[in-house]
């Protein structure tokens, strides 16, 4: 199974910048898209069916904001659902789940806490609720989690850990949350295959040529239940693919 995860920073813009071609080239069985910034009816030019995908959109109530989408090729028995059952989270379009026979696949776009203390508090509250929700999910079937966590976990996951220490996305409490996630029976798939790889990032600011100079952050992840860690065949950050300030991640299991 090949899974693609990509924060496209706007679905309509991404379609104009090669999203469809990327799906045609990579041919993922499942694609999890984050930061749709659109409702399905605003994307009439995009046809999932023409690409042989079924689809599920979970857009935010607020126009032009957040949202996640799932696209998959699989049997009719595979079912997608949206949300965690928490209204304050679900109205922002943060979480989806695709249930297969033997896996729960979770697409997530974690809130960015940079705007204010209130948003940072919201992010941390979301993360605590999300971890408990994941743990409950993992009791039923192994989990494959993918998406934008908006956190760089370790110093090797960010281009300037000294200067950026304590900034949103690299605060101690955020990094500690990722550690808690991994101690709760989950595995960072990229670090499983590339434990000490450096200069491997998934997001770059649009400012000051950050991508060209590879001044980035690794904030996009695949995380799997520990009991299926041996099923991880390959993981790639496809940094050669542009069209967003994030690059796609590709996991084969």
Protein backbone atom coordinates (compact mmCIF):
# COMPACT_ATOMS: atom_id res chain seq x y z
CA UNK A 1 0.00 0.00 0.00
CA UNK A 2 1.29 3.43 -0.99
CA UNK A 3 0.06 6.47 0.95
CA UNK A 4 0.69 10.10 0.09
CA UNK A 5 0.28 12.90 2.65
CA UNK A 6 0.53 16.55 1.65
CA UNK A 7 -0.33 19.92 3.14
CA UNK A 8 -1.17 21.71 -0.11
CA UNK A 9 -1.83 25.15 1.44
CA UNK A 10 -5.01 25.57 -0.59
CA UNK A 11 -6.58 22.87 -2.76
CA UNK A 12 -7.63 25.15 -5.60
CA UNK A 13 -4.17 26.70 -5.83
CA UNK A 14 -2.55 23.25 -5.68
CA UNK A 15 -4.66 22.03 -8.58
CA UNK A 16 -3.21 24.86 -10.66
CA UNK A 17 0.31 23.95 -9.52
CA UNK A 18 0.35 20.26 -10.42
CA UNK A 19 -1.56 18.37 -7.73
CA UNK A 20 -3.40 16.22 -10.27
CA UNK A 21 -0.16 15.43 -12.11
CA UNK A 22 1.47 14.47 -8.81
CA UNK A 23 -1.35 12.02 -8.07
CA UNK A 24 -1.06 10.60 -11.58
CA UNK A 25 2.72 10.23 -11.30
CA UNK A 26 2.90 8.75 -7.78
CA UNK A 27 -0.31 6.72 -8.01
CA UNK A 28 -0.95 6.46 -4.27
CA UNK A 29 -3.58 4.03 -3.07
CA UNK A 30 -4.53 6.63 -0.46
CA UNK A 31 -3.90 10.38 -0.46
CA UNK A 32 -4.40 12.49 2.64
CA UNK A 33 -4.52 16.22 1.92
CA UNK A 34 -4.30 18.93 4.56
CA UNK A 35 -5.17 22.63 4.52
CA UNK A 36 -7.81 22.43 1.81
CA UNK A 37 -8.98 26.02 2.36
CA UNK A 38 -12.03 25.19 0.23
CA UNK A 39 -15.40 23.50 0.12
CA UNK A 40 -15.97 20.64 -2.31
CA UNK A 41 -18.42 22.68 -4.39
CA UNK A 42 -15.71 25.29 -5.00
CA UNK A 43 -13.54 22.68 -6.77
CA UNK A 44 -15.79 21.59 -9.62
CA UNK A 45 -12.85 21.34 -12.03
CA UNK A 46 -11.30 18.57 -9.92
CA UNK A 47 -12.67 15.10 -10.59
CA UNK A 48 -11.61 12.39 -8.17
CA UNK A 49 -13.57 9.83 -10.19
CA UNK A 50 -11.53 10.55 -13.32
CA UNK A 51 -8.44 9.59 -11.30
CA UNK A 52 -10.22 6.45 -10.06
CA UNK A 53 -10.46 7.77 -6.49
CA UNK A 54 -13.28 7.92 -4.04
CA UNK A 55 -13.21 10.95 -1.80
CA UNK A 56 -14.23 12.42 1.52
CA UNK A 57 -13.89 16.12 2.36
CA UNK A 58 -13.92 17.59 5.85
CA UNK A 59 -13.82 21.34 5.32
CA UNK A 60 -13.80 23.96 8.05
CA UNK A 61 -16.94 25.98 8.70
CA UNK A 62 -14.90 29.15 8.23
CA UNK A 63 -14.35 29.85 4.51
CA UNK A 64 -10.80 29.61 3.14
CA UNK A 65 -9.42 27.96 6.27
CA UNK A 66 -8.01 24.59 7.33
CA UNK A 67 -9.76 21.40 6.16
CA UNK A 68 -8.65 17.87 5.31
CA UNK A 69 -9.48 15.52 2.44
CA UNK A 70 -9.07 11.80 1.76
CA UNK A 71 -8.85 10.15 -1.65
CA UNK A 72 -8.52 6.40 -1.99
CA UNK A 73 -8.71 3.36 -4.21
CA UNK A 74 -10.03 0.36 -2.37
CA UNK A 75 -13.02 -1.91 -1.84
CA UNK A 76 -16.47 -0.63 -0.98
CA UNK A 77 -15.94 -1.89 2.55
CA UNK A 78 -13.44 0.92 3.22
CA UNK A 79 -15.29 3.72 4.98
CA UNK A 80 -14.27 7.32 5.67
CA UNK A 81 -15.63 9.42 8.52
CA UNK A 82 -14.87 12.97 9.57
CA UNK A 83 -14.19 14.49 12.95
CA UNK A 84 -13.47 13.37 16.51
CA UNK A 85 -16.91 14.09 17.91
CA UNK A 86 -15.69 17.36 19.49
CA UNK A 87 -17.53 20.35 18.07
CA UNK A 88 -14.82 22.94 18.74
CA UNK A 89 -12.32 20.78 16.81
CA UNK A 90 -14.60 19.42 14.13
CA UNK A 91 -15.82 22.85 13.03
CA UNK A 92 -12.21 23.56 11.97
CA UNK A 93 -11.92 20.46 9.76
CA UNK A 94 -8.96 18.84 11.50
CA UNK A 95 -9.32 15.04 11.51
CA UNK A 96 -10.55 12.25 9.23
CA UNK A 97 -10.35 8.49 9.46
CA UNK A 98 -10.41 5.81 6.76
CA UNK A 99 -11.20 2.34 8.07
CA UNK A 100 -9.87 -0.64 6.11
CA UNK A 101 -10.15 -4.29 7.10
CA UNK A 102 -7.01 -4.19 9.21
CA UNK A 103 -6.01 -0.53 9.65
CA UNK A 104 -7.33 2.80 10.88
CA UNK A 105 -5.80 5.52 8.72
CA UNK A 106 -5.96 8.99 10.25
CA UNK A 107 -5.50 12.25 8.33
CA UNK A 108 -4.78 15.23 10.60
CA UNK A 109 -4.03 18.93 10.35
CA UNK A 110 -2.97 20.06 13.82
CA UNK A 111 -3.77 23.70 14.67
CA UNK A 112 -1.03 26.28 14.36
CA UNK A 113 -0.52 28.01 17.69
CA UNK A 114 1.52 30.97 16.50
CA UNK A 115 -1.25 33.56 16.22
CA UNK A 116 -1.90 34.08 19.94
CA UNK A 117 -1.68 32.57 23.40
CA UNK A 118 -5.31 31.56 22.99
CA UNK A 119 -4.50 29.59 19.84
CA UNK A 120 -1.49 27.97 21.49
CA UNK A 121 -3.74 26.86 24.35
CA UNK A 122 -6.26 25.55 21.81
CA UNK A 123 -3.48 23.61 20.06
CA UNK A 124 -2.25 22.00 23.26
CA UNK A 125 -5.78 21.13 24.34
CA UNK A 126 -6.41 19.61 20.91
CA UNK A 127 -3.21 17.55 21.12
CA UNK A 128 -4.14 16.10 24.52
CA UNK A 129 -7.62 15.15 23.29
CA UNK A 130 -6.21 13.79 20.05
CA UNK A 131 -3.73 11.51 21.83
CA UNK A 132 -6.46 9.99 23.97
CA UNK A 133 -8.59 9.51 20.86
CA UNK A 134 -5.67 7.81 19.05
CA UNK A 135 -5.04 5.51 21.99
CA UNK A 136 -8.67 4.39 21.95
CA UNK A 137 -8.50 3.86 18.19
CA UNK A 138 -5.32 1.83 18.54
CA UNK A 139 -7.08 -0.57 20.91
CA UNK A 140 -9.27 -1.73 18.02
CA UNK A 141 -6.86 -1.85 15.05
CA UNK A 142 -3.35 -0.66 14.20
CA UNK A 143 -3.22 3.03 13.31
CA UNK A 144 -1.44 4.82 10.48
CA UNK A 145 -1.45 8.54 11.26
CA UNK A 146 -0.38 11.09 8.67
CA UNK A 147 -0.48 14.82 8.26
CA UNK A 148 0.83 18.15 9.46
CA UNK A 149 1.51 18.07 13.21
CA UNK A 150 2.86 21.65 13.22
CA UNK A 151 5.67 20.49 15.54
CA UNK A 152 9.36 19.84 14.93
CA UNK A 153 10.20 17.13 17.45
CA UNK A 154 13.98 17.07 17.77
CA UNK A 155 16.81 19.51 17.13
CA UNK A 156 17.70 17.61 13.94
CA UNK A 157 14.16 18.31 12.69
CA UNK A 158 14.70 22.06 12.37
CA UNK A 159 17.34 24.10 10.58
CA UNK A 160 18.31 26.41 13.47
CA UNK A 161 17.30 24.82 16.77
CA UNK A 162 19.14 27.34 18.94
CA UNK A 163 17.60 30.48 17.45
CA UNK A 164 14.16 28.92 17.06
CA UNK A 165 14.01 27.31 20.50
CA UNK A 166 10.73 28.24 22.17
CA UNK A 167 8.99 29.50 19.03
CA UNK A 168 5.60 28.12 18.07
CA UNK A 169 6.05 24.64 16.65
CA UNK A 170 9.26 24.14 18.64
CA UNK A 171 8.12 24.89 22.17
CA UNK A 172 9.14 22.40 24.89
CA UNK A 173 5.54 21.41 25.63
CA UNK A 174 4.87 20.73 21.93
CA UNK A 175 8.00 18.63 21.56
CA UNK A 176 7.13 16.79 24.77
CA UNK A 177 3.75 15.91 23.27
CA UNK A 178 5.43 14.13 20.34
CA UNK A 179 7.57 12.24 22.84
CA UNK A 180 4.39 11.23 24.70
CA UNK A 181 2.85 10.07 21.43
CA UNK A 182 5.84 7.84 20.70
CA UNK A 183 5.87 6.48 24.26
CA UNK A 184 2.18 5.61 23.90
CA UNK A 185 2.96 2.81 21.44
CA UNK A 186 3.53 4.69 18.19
CA UNK A 187 6.53 5.01 15.87
CA UNK A 188 7.75 7.97 13.80
CA UNK A 189 8.09 6.18 10.45
CA UNK A 190 10.70 8.56 9.06
CA UNK A 191 12.96 8.16 12.08
CA UNK A 192 12.40 4.41 12.00
CA UNK A 193 14.07 4.32 8.58
CA UNK A 194 16.37 7.34 8.93
CA UNK A 195 17.13 7.67 12.66
CA UNK A 196 19.75 10.43 12.49
CA UNK A 197 19.15 11.98 9.05
CA UNK A 198 19.70 15.74 9.01
CA UNK A 199 18.58 18.51 6.67
CA UNK A 200 15.45 16.51 5.82
CA UNK A 201 12.55 18.93 6.06
CA UNK A 202 8.93 19.05 4.93
CA UNK A 203 8.09 22.76 5.32
CA UNK A 204 9.89 25.97 4.40
CA UNK A 205 8.79 29.55 4.89
CA UNK A 206 8.03 31.47 1.71
CA UNK A 207 10.34 34.21 3.00
CA UNK A 208 13.95 34.88 2.05
CA UNK A 209 14.42 31.91 -0.25
CA UNK A 210 14.16 29.46 2.64
CA UNK A 211 13.39 26.47 0.43
CA UNK A 212 16.26 27.15 -1.96
CA UNK A 213 18.61 27.34 1.04
CA UNK A 214 16.89 24.38 2.76
CA UNK A 215 16.11 26.38 5.90
CA UNK A 216 13.20 24.20 6.87
CA UNK A 217 11.30 22.28 9.51
CA UNK A 218 10.17 18.64 9.62
CA UNK A 219 6.60 19.09 10.83
CA UNK A 220 4.79 16.59 8.59
CA UNK A 221 4.75 12.97 9.70
CA UNK A 222 3.75 9.39 9.23
CA UNK A 223 3.27 7.72 12.62
CA UNK A 224 2.27 4.06 12.92
CA UNK A 225 1.30 1.72 15.72
CA UNK A 226 4.39 0.06 17.12
CA UNK A 227 3.05 -3.41 16.41
CA UNK A 228 3.18 -2.75 12.64
CA UNK A 229 6.57 -1.02 12.55
CA UNK A 230 7.97 -4.00 10.62
CA UNK A 231 5.50 -3.26 7.82
CA UNK A 232 7.20 0.05 6.99
CA UNK A 233 8.90 -0.56 3.64
CA UNK A 234 9.85 2.95 2.55
CA UNK A 235 9.23 6.56 3.46
CA UNK A 236 10.21 9.57 1.41
CA UNK A 237 9.91 13.31 1.73
CA UNK A 238 9.41 14.22 -1.92
CA UNK A 239 11.18 17.57 -1.70
CA UNK A 240 11.47 17.83 -5.48
CA UNK A 241 7.71 18.33 -5.73
CA UNK A 242 6.72 21.97 -5.38
CA UNK A 243 3.31 23.63 -5.45
CA UNK A 244 3.07 24.30 -1.71
CA UNK A 245 5.26 25.48 1.15
CA UNK A 246 5.19 21.82 2.26
CA UNK A 247 6.42 18.82 0.29
CA UNK A 248 4.50 15.55 0.02
CA UNK A 249 5.42 12.53 2.14
CA UNK A 250 5.12 9.04 0.71
CA UNK A 251 4.88 5.88 2.81
CA UNK A 252 4.83 2.31 1.53
CA UNK A 253 3.65 -0.40 3.89
